[in-house]
Amino acid sequence: MVKIVKCALAAVLASLPAAAFAAWELNMPVGVTELSRRIHALHMLILWVCILIAIAVFGVMIYSIVKFRRSQGAVAASFDHSTRAEIVWTVIPIVILVAMAVPAAATLVRIEDTRNSDLTVKVTGYQWRWHYEYLERNVAFFSSLSRDSDAARQLDSGIDPESVQNYLLDVDKPLVVPVGKKVRVLLTAGDVIHAWWVPAFGMKKDAIPGFVNELWFRADQVGIYRGQCAELCGRDHGFMPVVVDVRSEADFDSWLKTQQDNTKTASAAE
């Protein structure tokens, strides 16, 4: 019977495409920022603590059930209270929880520490796009769903969404930041609650009208990182992606100067 089950399972797995295995990740990703690595390390620490507790608890339970079963002549205890046992099963969980709280608190403090940032960007969510403003840099722009994705999502458009690269995860103007620099993000919204989320950064926070939230990240690798609005903000909620373009410091400075020049030109024309 076991052999039949194994053969059936092997046949099912063999029939699945390789892409299914590539996208099948049971654990949370590590990411490309210091915070994402800290969060992943904390996650793994707590996971192993829980596994060890489960092994210890279930091990004792199984041993007790097998060793002290009635068929082996075991006799139930006559007492119904043990101060020593109550002290032990109260103190041990407290010690475990305190030991787990220390690294958790340290990680939370680090997540909320936005001091000494190299760049501050104000992000405002609207239905259904983002507005990025580089504070004290005289650069601001809207970031919306890319035109090819927007066209493919329309009913009766005749465009196959699978033919569009990064369908619903691309924008016309991404947020551009320098690699290795601490970026402080001030989050708010102009209409309803949104949420700015980039999985590779390990960060997600709500953008709330009339309130300013903040987060920070420091990307360690140059590249394009994609996310989405993670709050149900209306009928086009699924068409509000987040794209962050992490560039070298020299490329970022060049891009920033170009944007500033364009802003000056537009202001002079007005």
C-alpha atoms as a PDB file:
ATOM      1  CA  MET A   1       0.000   0.000   0.000  1.00  0.00           C
ATOM      2  CA  VAL A   2       2.815   2.393   0.909  1.00  0.00           C
ATOM      3  CA  LYS A   3       4.536   1.658  -2.375  1.00  0.00           C
ATOM      4  CA  ILE A   4       1.355   2.437  -4.325  1.00  0.00           C
ATOM      5  CA  VAL A   5       0.985   5.791  -2.531  1.00  0.00           C
ATOM      6  CA  LYS A   6       4.605   6.705  -3.244  1.00  0.00           C
ATOM      7  CA  CYS A   7       4.225   5.869  -6.923  1.00  0.00           C
ATOM      8  CA  ALA A   8       1.023   7.919  -7.182  1.00  0.00           C
ATOM      9  CA  LEU A   9       2.662  10.902  -5.460  1.00  0.00           C
ATOM     10  CA  ALA A  10       5.682  10.692  -7.742  1.00  0.00           C
ATOM     11  CA  ALA A  11       3.424  10.642 -10.799  1.00  0.00           C
ATOM     12  CA  VAL A  12       1.542  13.737  -9.620  1.00  0.00           C
ATOM     13  CA  LEU A  13       4.749  15.655  -8.886  1.00  0.00           C
ATOM     14  CA  ALA A  14       6.225  14.678 -12.246  1.00  0.00           C
ATOM     15  CA  SER A  15       3.157  16.041 -14.029  1.00  0.00           C
ATOM     16  CA  LEU A  16       3.579  19.513 -12.491  1.00  0.00           C
ATOM     17  CA  PRO A  17       5.510  22.097 -14.529  1.00  0.00           C
ATOM     18  CA  ALA A  18       8.921  23.211 -13.337  1.00  0.00           C
ATOM     19  CA  ALA A  19       7.635  26.766 -12.936  1.00  0.00           C
ATOM     20  CA  ALA A  20       5.268  25.590 -10.214  1.00  0.00           C
ATOM     21  CA  PHE A  21       8.208  24.446  -8.107  1.00  0.00           C
ATOM     22  CA  ALA A  22      10.121  27.664  -8.786  1.00  0.00           C
ATOM     23  CA  ALA A  23       7.248  29.717  -7.336  1.00  0.00           C
ATOM     24  CA  TRP A  24       6.507  27.318  -4.471  1.00  0.00           C
ATOM     25  CA  GLU A  25       8.325  28.771  -1.477  1.00  0.00           C
ATOM     26  CA  LEU A  26       7.225  27.658   1.948  1.00  0.00           C
ATOM     27  CA  ASN A  27       9.295  30.173   3.885  1.00  0.00           C
ATOM     28  CA  MET A  28       9.275  33.971   3.879  1.00  0.00           C
ATOM     29  CA  PRO A  29      11.863  35.602   1.571  1.00  0.00           C
ATOM     30  CA  VAL A  30      15.014  37.166   3.002  1.00  0.00           C
ATOM     31  CA  GLY A  31      14.890  40.384   0.953  1.00  0.00           C
ATOM     32  CA  VAL A  32      17.575  42.938   0.079  1.00  0.00           C
ATOM     33  CA  THR A  33      17.543  45.228   3.126  1.00  0.00           C
ATOM     34  CA  GLU A  34      18.934  45.106   6.645  1.00  0.00           C
ATOM     35  CA  LEU A  35      15.424  45.113   8.101  1.00  0.00           C
ATOM     36  CA  SER A  36      14.234  42.245   5.935  1.00  0.00           C
ATOM     37  CA  ARG A  37      17.198  40.151   7.081  1.00  0.00           C
ATOM     38  CA  ARG A  38      16.542  41.009  10.727  1.00  0.00           C
ATOM     39  CA  ILE A  39      12.872  40.104  10.358  1.00  0.00           C
ATOM     40  CA  HIS A  40      13.748  36.818   8.641  1.00  0.00           C
ATOM     41  CA  ALA A  41      16.295  35.943  11.336  1.00  0.00           C
ATOM     42  CA  LEU A  42      13.725  36.683  14.060  1.00  0.00           C
ATOM     43  CA  HIS A  43      11.151  34.597  12.219  1.00  0.00           C
ATOM     44  CA  MET A  44      13.535  31.629  12.009  1.00  0.00           C
ATOM     45  CA  LEU A  45      14.542  31.964  15.680  1.00  0.00           C
ATOM     46  CA  ILE A  46      10.938  31.930  16.893  1.00  0.00           C
ATOM     47  CA  LEU A  47      10.094  29.095  14.494  1.00  0.00           C
ATOM     48  CA  TRP A  48      12.855  26.874  15.899  1.00  0.00           C
ATOM     49  CA  VAL A  49      11.871  27.727  19.472  1.00  0.00           C
ATOM     50  CA  CYS A  50       8.294  26.668  18.684  1.00  0.00           C
ATOM     51  CA  ILE A  51       9.538  23.463  17.048  1.00  0.00           C
ATOM     52  CA  LEU A  52      11.647  22.577  20.100  1.00  0.00           C
ATOM     53  CA  ILE A  53       8.706  23.275  22.429  1.00  0.00           C
ATOM     54  CA  ALA A  54       6.436  21.103  20.280  1.00  0.00           C
ATOM     55  CA  ILE A  55       8.977  18.261  20.248  1.00  0.00           C
ATOM     56  CA  ALA A  56       9.372  18.444  24.044  1.00  0.00           C
ATOM     57  CA  VAL A  57       5.635  18.646  24.805  1.00  0.00           C
ATOM     58  CA  PHE A  58       4.499  15.979  22.376  1.00  0.00           C
ATOM     59  CA  GLY A  59       7.471  13.781  23.297  1.00  0.00           C
ATOM     60  CA  VAL A  60       6.468  13.814  26.960  1.00  0.00           C
ATOM     61  CA  MET A  61       2.821  13.227  26.048  1.00  0.00           C
ATOM     62  CA  ILE A  62       3.571  10.248  23.806  1.00  0.00           C
ATOM     63  CA  TYR A  63       6.011   8.765  26.320  1.00  0.00           C
ATOM     64  CA  SER A  64       3.454   9.129  29.127  1.00  0.00           C
ATOM     65  CA  ILE A  65       0.664   7.576  27.064  1.00  0.00           C
ATOM     66  CA  VAL A  66       2.805   4.578  26.094  1.00  0.00           C
ATOM     67  CA  LYS A  67       4.687   4.053  29.366  1.00  0.00           C
ATOM     68  CA  PHE A  68       1.866   4.591  31.831  1.00  0.00           C
ATOM     69  CA  ARG A  69      -1.085   2.994  30.093  1.00  0.00           C
ATOM     70  CA  ARG A  70      -3.535   0.930  32.100  1.00  0.00           C
ATOM     71  CA  SER A  71      -2.674  -2.312  30.272  1.00  0.00           C
ATOM     72  CA  GLN A  72       0.806  -2.074  31.780  1.00  0.00           C
ATOM     73  CA  GLY A  73      -0.589  -1.844  35.290  1.00  0.00           C
ATOM     74  CA  ALA A  74      -0.209   1.884  35.758  1.00  0.00           C
ATOM     75  CA  VAL A  75      -2.212   3.340  38.653  1.00  0.00           C
ATOM     76  CA  ALA A  76      -3.535   6.888  38.581  1.00  0.00           C
ATOM     77  CA  ALA A  77      -2.133   9.319  41.156  1.00  0.00           C
ATOM     78  CA  SER A  78      -4.317  10.016  44.163  1.00  0.00           C
ATOM     79  CA  PHE A  79      -3.469  13.734  44.507  1.00  0.00           C
ATOM     80  CA  ASP A  80      -5.196  16.571  42.651  1.00  0.00           C
ATOM     81  CA  HIS A  81      -2.803  19.456  43.403  1.00  0.00           C
ATOM     82  CA  SER A  82       0.961  20.021  43.232  1.00  0.00           C
ATOM     83  CA  THR A  83       2.428  23.405  44.073  1.00  0.00           C
ATOM     84  CA  ARG A  84       5.800  22.375  42.705  1.00  0.00           C
ATOM     85  CA  ALA A  85       4.313  21.362  39.335  1.00  0.00           C
ATOM     86  CA  GLU A  86       2.344  24.604  39.085  1.00  0.00           C
ATOM     87  CA  ILE A  87       5.462  26.667  39.803  1.00  0.00           C
ATOM     88  CA  VAL A  88       7.456  24.772  37.178  1.00  0.00           C
ATOM     89  CA  TRP A  89       4.856  25.056  34.395  1.00  0.00           C
ATOM     90  CA  THR A  90       4.420  28.762  35.182  1.00  0.00           C
ATOM     91  CA  VAL A  91       8.081  29.768  35.458  1.00  0.00           C
ATOM     92  CA  ILE A  92       9.319  27.889  32.378  1.00  0.00           C
ATOM     93  CA  PRO A  93       6.862  29.575  29.923  1.00  0.00           C
ATOM     94  CA  ILE A  94       7.652  32.987  31.455  1.00  0.00           C
ATOM     95  CA  VAL A  95      11.373  32.447  30.922  1.00  0.00           C
ATOM     96  CA  ILE A  96      10.771  31.326  27.329  1.00  0.00           C
ATOM     97  CA  LEU A  97       8.544  34.318  26.563  1.00  0.00           C
ATOM     98  CA  VAL A  98      11.008  36.810  28.058  1.00  0.00           C
ATOM     99  CA  ALA A  99      13.865  35.230  26.090  1.00  0.00           C
ATOM    100  CA  MET A 100      11.804  35.548  22.889  1.00  0.00           C
ATOM    101  CA  ALA A 101      10.734  39.112  23.699  1.00  0.00           C
ATOM    102  CA  VAL A 102      14.294  40.448  23.887  1.00  0.00           C
ATOM    103  CA  PRO A 103      15.268  39.933  20.200  1.00  0.00           C
ATOM    104  CA  ALA A 104      11.713  40.773  19.101  1.00  0.00           C
ATOM    105  CA  ALA A 105      11.785  44.119  20.931  1.00  0.00           C
ATOM    106  CA  ALA A 106      15.251  44.908  19.561  1.00  0.00           C
ATOM    107  CA  THR A 107      14.022  44.275  16.015  1.00  0.00           C
ATOM    108  CA  LEU A 108      10.914  46.431  16.513  1.00  0.00           C
ATOM    109  CA  VAL A 109      13.016  49.291  17.894  1.00  0.00           C
ATOM    110  CA  ARG A 110      15.312  49.044  14.869  1.00  0.00           C
ATOM    111  CA  ILE A 111      12.331  49.053  12.466  1.00  0.00           C
ATOM    112  CA  GLU A 112      10.974  52.273  13.978  1.00  0.00           C
ATOM    113  CA  ASP A 113      14.327  54.100  14.088  1.00  0.00           C
ATOM    114  CA  THR A 114      14.140  56.539  11.162  1.00  0.00           C
ATOM    115  CA  ARG A 115      16.887  58.831  12.448  1.00  0.00           C
ATOM    116  CA  ASN A 116      19.929  59.832  10.394  1.00  0.00           C
ATOM    117  CA  SER A 117      18.296  59.159   7.040  1.00  0.00           C
ATOM    118  CA  ASP A 118      20.098  60.152   3.831  1.00  0.00           C
ATOM    119  CA  LEU A 119      16.946  60.798   1.819  1.00  0.00           C
ATOM    120  CA  THR A 120      13.336  61.575   2.768  1.00  0.00           C
ATOM    121  CA  VAL A 121      10.464  60.886   0.387  1.00  0.00           C
ATOM    122  CA  LYS A 122       6.864  61.821   1.065  1.00  0.00           C
ATOM    123  CA  VAL A 123       4.498  59.214  -0.419  1.00  0.00           C
ATOM    124  CA  THR A 124       0.819  60.048  -0.831  1.00  0.00           C
ATOM    125  CA  GLY A 125      -1.679  57.435  -1.945  1.00  0.00           C
ATOM    126  CA  TYR A 126      -4.603  58.284  -4.191  1.00  0.00           C
ATOM    127  CA  GLN A 127      -7.217  56.169  -5.962  1.00  0.00           C
ATOM    128  CA  TRP A 128      -5.295  54.614  -7.690  1.00  0.00           C
ATOM    129  CA  ARG A 129      -1.780  55.958  -7.966  1.00  0.00           C
ATOM    130  CA  TRP A 130       1.098  57.163  -5.814  1.00  0.00           C
ATOM    131  CA  HIS A 131       2.582  60.636  -5.516  1.00  0.00           C
ATOM    132  CA  TYR A 132       6.278  60.807  -4.650  1.00  0.00           C
ATOM    133  CA  GLU A 133       7.848  64.015  -3.342  1.00  0.00           C
ATOM    134  CA  TYR A 134      11.568  64.180  -2.606  1.00  0.00           C
ATOM    135  CA  LEU A 135      11.647  66.605   0.301  1.00  0.00           C
ATOM    136  CA  GLU A 136      14.182  69.438  -0.006  1.00  0.00           C
ATOM    137  CA  ARG A 137      15.156  68.131  -3.472  1.00  0.00           C
ATOM    138  CA  ASN A 138      12.487  69.966  -5.536  1.00  0.00           C
ATOM    139  CA  VAL A 139      11.343  66.777  -7.289  1.00  0.00           C
ATOM    140  CA  ALA A 140       7.797  65.385  -7.293  1.00  0.00           C
ATOM    141  CA  PHE A 141       5.742  63.203  -9.631  1.00  0.00           C
ATOM    142  CA  PHE A 142       2.831  60.760  -9.839  1.00  0.00           C
ATOM    143  CA  SER A 143       3.398  57.042 -10.375  1.00  0.00           C
ATOM    144  CA  SER A 144       0.582  55.158 -12.116  1.00  0.00           C
ATOM    145  CA  LEU A 145      -0.010  51.737 -13.629  1.00  0.00           C
ATOM    146  CA  SER A 146       1.934  51.354 -16.877  1.00  0.00           C
ATOM    147  CA  ARG A 147      -0.014  51.927 -20.083  1.00  0.00           C
ATOM    148  CA  ASP A 148       0.448  48.404 -21.470  1.00  0.00           C
ATOM    149  CA  SER A 149      -0.873  46.829 -18.257  1.00  0.00           C
ATOM    150  CA  ASP A 150      -3.689  49.353 -18.119  1.00  0.00           C
ATOM    151  CA  ALA A 151      -4.668  48.543 -21.704  1.00  0.00           C
ATOM    152  CA  ALA A 152      -4.494  44.770 -21.181  1.00  0.00           C
ATOM    153  CA  ARG A 153      -6.742  44.903 -18.114  1.00  0.00           C
ATOM    154  CA  GLN A 154      -9.593  46.499 -20.027  1.00  0.00           C
ATOM    155  CA  LEU A 155     -12.478  44.216 -20.982  1.00  0.00           C
ATOM    156  CA  ASP A 156     -12.604  43.324 -24.697  1.00  0.00           C
ATOM    157  CA  SER A 157      -9.192  44.922 -25.210  1.00  0.00           C
ATOM    158  CA  GLY A 158      -8.019  41.973 -27.278  1.00  0.00           C
ATOM    159  CA  ILE A 159      -4.680  42.009 -25.475  1.00  0.00           C
ATOM    160  CA  ASP A 160      -3.528  38.845 -23.753  1.00  0.00           C
ATOM    161  CA  PRO A 161      -2.370  39.822 -20.215  1.00  0.00           C
ATOM    162  CA  GLU A 162       0.239  37.053 -20.316  1.00  0.00           C
ATOM    163  CA  SER A 163       1.902  38.849 -23.221  1.00  0.00           C
ATOM    164  CA  VAL A 164       2.512  41.927 -21.061  1.00  0.00           C
ATOM    165  CA  GLN A 165       5.748  41.839 -19.101  1.00  0.00           C
ATOM    166  CA  ASN A 166       5.227  42.422 -15.356  1.00  0.00           C
ATOM    167  CA  TYR A 167       1.481  42.635 -15.868  1.00  0.00           C
ATOM    168  CA  LEU A 168      -0.127  44.853 -13.167  1.00  0.00           C
ATOM    169  CA  LEU A 169       3.287  45.197 -11.482  1.00  0.00           C
ATOM    170  CA  ASP A 170       4.791  47.961 -13.578  1.00  0.00           C
ATOM    171  CA  VAL A 171       4.417  51.751 -13.506  1.00  0.00           C
ATOM    172  CA  ASP A 172       5.144  54.693 -15.752  1.00  0.00           C
ATOM    173  CA  LYS A 173       7.436  56.396 -13.222  1.00  0.00           C
ATOM    174  CA  PRO A 174       9.071  54.347 -10.457  1.00  0.00           C
ATOM    175  CA  LEU A 175      10.439  55.638  -7.185  1.00  0.00           C
ATOM    176  CA  VAL A 176      14.198  56.030  -7.703  1.00  0.00           C
ATOM    177  CA  VAL A 177      16.562  55.730  -4.727  1.00  0.00           C
ATOM    178  CA  PRO A 178      20.328  55.264  -4.251  1.00  0.00           C
ATOM    179  CA  VAL A 179      21.756  51.933  -3.189  1.00  0.00           C
ATOM    180  CA  GLY A 180      23.236  51.693   0.302  1.00  0.00           C
ATOM    181  CA  LYS A 181      21.505  54.856   1.551  1.00  0.00           C
ATOM    182  CA  LYS A 182      18.928  55.077   4.332  1.00  0.00           C
ATOM    183  CA  VAL A 183      15.644  56.212   2.791  1.00  0.00           C
ATOM    184  CA  ARG A 184      12.948  57.576   5.088  1.00  0.00           C
ATOM    185  CA  VAL A 185       9.414  57.292   3.719  1.00  0.00           C
ATOM    186  CA  LEU A 186       6.623  59.514   5.050  1.00  0.00           C
ATOM    187  CA  LEU A 187       3.257  57.920   4.244  1.00  0.00           C
ATOM    188  CA  THR A 188      -0.154  59.548   3.966  1.00  0.00           C
ATOM    189  CA  ALA A 189      -3.204  59.460   1.700  1.00  0.00           C
ATOM    190  CA  GLY A 190      -5.477  61.960   0.016  1.00  0.00           C
ATOM    191  CA  ASP A 191      -8.745  60.003  -0.066  1.00  0.00           C
ATOM    192  CA  VAL A 192      -8.972  56.514   1.502  1.00  0.00           C
ATOM    193  CA  ILE A 193      -6.594  54.197   3.356  1.00  0.00           C
ATOM    194  CA  HIS A 194      -3.857  52.699   1.180  1.00  0.00           C
ATOM    195  CA  ALA A 195      -0.788  50.632   2.112  1.00  0.00           C
ATOM    196  CA  TRP A 196       2.709  50.945   0.612  1.00  0.00           C
ATOM    197  CA  TRP A 197       4.313  47.512   0.398  1.00  0.00           C
ATOM    198  CA  VAL A 198       7.523  46.205  -1.172  1.00  0.00           C
ATOM    199  CA  PRO A 199       8.126  42.554  -0.125  1.00  0.00           C
ATOM    200  CA  ALA A 200      11.858  42.628  -0.926  1.00  0.00           C
ATOM    201  CA  PHE A 201      12.293  45.463   1.580  1.00  0.00           C
ATOM    202  CA  GLY A 202      10.369  43.655   4.338  1.00  0.00           C
ATOM    203  CA  MET A 203       8.292  46.793   4.895  1.00  0.00           C
ATOM    204  CA  LYS A 204       4.576  47.571   4.649  1.00  0.00           C
ATOM    205  CA  LYS A 205       2.667  50.399   6.299  1.00  0.00           C
ATOM    206  CA  ASP A 206      -0.709  52.053   5.906  1.00  0.00           C
ATOM    207  CA  ALA A 207      -1.151  55.428   4.237  1.00  0.00           C
ATOM    208  CA  ILE A 208      -4.001  57.077   6.165  1.00  0.00           C
ATOM    209  CA  PRO A 209      -5.732  60.367   5.253  1.00  0.00           C
ATOM    210  CA  GLY A 210      -4.914  63.117   7.752  1.00  0.00           C
ATOM    211  CA  PHE A 211      -2.154  61.063   9.381  1.00  0.00           C
ATOM    212  CA  VAL A 212       1.541  60.599   8.607  1.00  0.00           C
ATOM    213  CA  ASN A 213       3.118  57.168   9.021  1.00  0.00           C
ATOM    214  CA  GLU A 214       6.785  56.509   8.462  1.00  0.00           C
ATOM    215  CA  LEU A 215       9.133  53.672   7.595  1.00  0.00           C
ATOM    216  CA  TRP A 216      12.664  53.327   6.323  1.00  0.00           C
ATOM    217  CA  PHE A 217      14.754  50.986   4.227  1.00  0.00           C
ATOM    218  CA  ARG A 218      18.308  50.677   2.942  1.00  0.00           C
ATOM    219  CA  ALA A 219      18.567  48.576  -0.215  1.00  0.00           C
ATOM    220  CA  ASP A 220      21.860  46.723  -0.548  1.00  0.00           C
ATOM    221  CA  GLN A 221      21.507  45.688  -4.190  1.00  0.00           C
ATOM    222  CA  VAL A 222      20.894  47.636  -7.376  1.00  0.00           C
ATOM    223  CA  GLY A 223      17.737  46.519  -9.162  1.00  0.00           C
ATOM    224  CA  ILE A 224      14.007  46.893  -9.701  1.00  0.00           C
ATOM    225  CA  TYR A 225      11.790  45.888  -6.775  1.00  0.00           C
ATOM    226  CA  ARG A 226       8.037  45.561  -7.101  1.00  0.00           C
ATOM    227  CA  GLY A 227       5.152  45.674  -4.675  1.00  0.00           C
ATOM    228  CA  GLN A 228       1.510  46.694  -4.467  1.00  0.00           C
ATOM    229  CA  CYS A 229      -1.011  48.608  -2.435  1.00  0.00           C
ATOM    230  CA  ALA A 230      -1.866  46.110   0.300  1.00  0.00           C
ATOM    231  CA  GLU A 231      -5.069  47.762   1.486  1.00  0.00           C
ATOM    232  CA  LEU A 232      -8.475  47.261  -0.134  1.00  0.00           C
ATOM    233  CA  CYS A 233      -8.788  50.857  -1.369  1.00  0.00           C
ATOM    234  CA  GLY A 234     -11.575  50.570  -3.943  1.00  0.00           C
ATOM    235  CA  ARG A 235     -12.636  48.897  -7.171  1.00  0.00           C
ATOM    236  CA  ASP A 236      -9.253  49.464  -8.894  1.00  0.00           C
ATOM    237  CA  HIS A 237      -7.212  48.437  -5.866  1.00  0.00           C
ATOM    238  CA  GLY A 238      -5.470  45.708  -7.863  1.00  0.00           C
ATOM    239  CA  PHE A 239      -4.132  48.254 -10.351  1.00  0.00           C
ATOM    240  CA  MET A 240      -1.998  50.271  -7.926  1.00  0.00           C
ATOM    241  CA  PRO A 241       1.510  48.770  -8.015  1.00  0.00           C
ATOM    242  CA  VAL A 242       4.650  50.045  -6.304  1.00  0.00           C
ATOM    243  CA  VAL A 243       7.950  49.966  -8.186  1.00  0.00           C
ATOM    244  CA  VAL A 244      11.266  51.051  -6.677  1.00  0.00           C
ATOM    245  CA  ASP A 245      14.313  51.526  -8.906  1.00  0.00           C
ATOM    246  CA  VAL A 246      17.481  51.184  -6.808  1.00  0.00           C
ATOM    247  CA  ARG A 247      20.440  52.733  -8.609  1.00  0.00           C
ATOM    248  CA  SER A 248      24.085  53.394  -7.916  1.00  0.00           C
ATOM    249  CA  GLU A 249      24.780  56.682  -6.182  1.00  0.00           C
ATOM    250  CA  ALA A 250      26.205  58.224  -9.357  1.00  0.00           C
ATOM    251  CA  ASP A 251      23.210  57.149 -11.457  1.00  0.00           C
ATOM    252  CA  PHE A 252      20.815  58.432  -8.813  1.00  0.00           C
ATOM    253  CA  ASP A 253      22.548  61.817  -8.645  1.00  0.00           C
ATOM    254  CA  SER A 254      22.381  62.092 -12.433  1.00  0.00           C
ATOM    255  CA  TRP A 255      18.682  61.144 -12.460  1.00  0.00           C
ATOM    256  CA  LEU A 256      17.920  63.603  -9.659  1.00  0.00           C
ATOM    257  CA  LYS A 257      19.671  66.459 -11.481  1.00  0.00           C
ATOM    258  CA  THR A 258      17.703  65.700 -14.644  1.00  0.00           C
ATOM    259  CA  GLN A 259      14.420  65.753 -12.718  1.00  0.00           C
ATOM    260  CA  GLN A 260      15.349  69.031 -11.035  1.00  0.00           C
ATOM    261  CA  ASP A 261      16.248  70.596 -14.383  1.00  0.00           C
ATOM    262  CA  ASN A 262      12.940  69.447 -15.848  1.00  0.00           C
ATOM    263  CA  THR A 263      11.101  70.977 -12.887  1.00  0.00           C
ATOM    264  CA  LYS A 264      12.891  74.292 -13.368  1.00  0.00           C
ATOM    265  CA  THR A 265      12.107  74.278 -17.082  1.00  0.00           C
ATOM    266  CA  ALA A 266       8.425  73.545 -16.448  1.00  0.00           C
ATOM    267  CA  SER A 267       8.255  76.315 -13.833  1.00  0.00           C
ATOM    268  CA  ALA A 268       9.891  78.831 -16.152  1.00  0.00           C
ATOM    269  CA  ALA A 269       7.458  77.935 -18.958  1.00  0.00           C
ATOM    270  CA  GLU A 270       4.521  78.620 -16.694  1.00  0.00           C
END
